[in-house]
Each structure stands twice: as structure tokens, then as C-alpha cells.
Protein backbone atom coordinates (compact mmCIF):
# COMPACT_ATOMS: atom_id res chain seq x y z
CA MET A 1 26.59 7.45 -30.94
CA ILE A 2 24.92 5.94 -33.78
CA ARG A 3 24.99 7.71 -37.17
CA THR A 4 21.72 8.12 -38.96
CA GLN A 5 20.39 10.03 -41.86
CA VAL A 6 17.21 12.06 -41.96
CA GLN A 7 15.54 14.12 -44.68
CA LEU A 8 14.37 17.52 -43.62
CA THR A 9 12.30 20.19 -45.44
CA GLU A 10 14.22 23.34 -46.38
CA LYS A 11 12.21 25.24 -43.75
CA GLN A 12 13.16 22.69 -41.00
CA SER A 13 16.84 22.74 -42.10
CA LYS A 14 17.05 26.55 -42.00
CA ALA A 15 15.26 26.63 -38.61
CA LEU A 16 17.64 24.02 -37.16
CA ARG A 17 20.65 25.82 -38.57
CA HIS A 18 19.52 29.06 -37.01
CA ILE A 19 18.83 27.53 -33.65
CA ALA A 20 22.17 25.73 -33.61
CA LEU A 21 23.99 28.93 -34.57
CA HIS A 22 22.12 30.81 -31.88
CA GLU A 23 22.97 28.20 -29.19
CA GLY A 24 26.53 27.57 -30.35
CA VAL A 25 26.04 23.83 -30.91
CA SER A 26 25.75 21.51 -33.94
CA MET A 27 22.52 20.96 -35.79
CA ALA A 28 22.95 17.19 -34.76
CA GLU A 29 22.84 18.33 -31.07
CA ILE A 30 19.64 20.25 -31.61
CA ILE A 31 18.10 17.26 -33.32
CA ARG A 32 19.22 14.94 -30.42
CA ARG A 33 17.58 17.37 -27.93
CA ALA A 34 14.37 17.24 -29.91
CA VAL A 35 14.35 13.47 -30.16
CA GLU A 36 14.97 13.19 -26.38
CA LYS A 37 11.95 15.46 -25.67
CA VAL A 38 9.72 13.22 -27.84
CA VAL A 39 11.02 10.13 -26.24
CA ASP A 40 10.62 11.48 -22.72
CA SER A 41 7.15 12.73 -23.22
CA GLU A 42 5.72 9.86 -25.15
CA TYR A 43 7.51 6.73 -24.02
CA LEU A 44 8.36 7.21 -20.34
CA PRO A 45 5.80 7.03 -17.68
CA ASP A 46 4.62 10.23 -16.10
CA LYS A 47 4.83 10.99 -12.45
CA GLU A 48 1.33 9.70 -11.62
CA GLU A 49 1.95 6.39 -13.31
CA LEU A 50 5.29 5.95 -11.48
CA LYS A 51 3.54 6.68 -8.17
CA GLN A 52 0.83 4.09 -8.97
CA ARG A 53 3.43 1.51 -9.82
CA ALA A 54 5.31 2.25 -6.61
CA LEU A 55 2.16 1.96 -4.57
CA ALA A 56 1.17 -1.30 -6.17
CA ALA A 57 4.52 -2.76 -5.20
CA VAL A 58 4.20 -1.80 -1.56
CA GLY A 59 3.63 -4.88 0.57
CA SER A 60 3.80 -7.23 -2.36
CA LEU A 61 6.93 -8.99 -1.18
CA HIS A 62 7.38 -10.97 2.02
CA SER A 63 10.34 -11.99 4.18
CA ASP A 64 10.65 -14.19 7.22
CA ILE A 65 13.28 -11.84 8.67
CA LYS A 66 11.53 -10.02 11.57
CA ASP A 67 14.16 -7.33 12.13
CA LEU A 68 14.77 -6.41 8.42
CA SER A 69 13.50 -2.89 8.80
CA THR A 70 15.97 -2.09 11.59
CA LYS A 71 19.00 -4.16 10.51
CA HIS A 72 18.78 -3.74 6.64
CA ASP A 73 22.38 -2.47 6.44
CA TYR A 74 23.61 -5.57 8.21
CA TYR A 75 21.77 -7.86 5.82
CA LEU A 76 22.95 -5.86 2.74
CA GLU A 77 26.54 -6.16 3.93
CA GLU A 78 26.13 -9.83 4.52
CA ILE A 79 24.78 -10.36 0.98
CA TYR A 80 27.48 -8.23 -0.73
CA SER A 81 30.30 -9.89 1.15
CA GLU A 82 29.43 -13.33 -0.20
């Protein structure tokens, strides 16, 4: 964990203290949860964007191995044993 300092309004502090007391956790935990929600909603791609990225990757790679789809476990084992 990284310690940081933030300044809150009195109203924010009272609300956080109330929520923390009600949930039986620290104010720091409530703040971490709130930050996580912001990070997830604003900086992580949504499901549609992830789907589009995955579809764009389909077929973009090429291999000369003709039986890769049926013997993928064999080839993985071969690579990891090296």
C-alpha cells in the first residue's frame, strides 16, 4: 500500500465516517473502494471495446504448423520443457 494524504470537506469526512462505521471498515477502505470504482469505470475498457479488440485479433497471426488446433497441448508442453 502507498500512503497518501487527501483533503476532504467536512461533509465528505462525516459521510465517509458514517459509511465506514456502518460497514465496519476503515475510512481508508471506503476511500479505496471509491477510487477503484472510478478507475474501473473511466480507465478500463468496457465489454464492447474488449470484444472489438478480441475480434480484431482473430486471424491476425499465422503459423506454418498445420495441426496446431488439434495438438496445441503437445506444442505448449514442448515449449515449456525447453
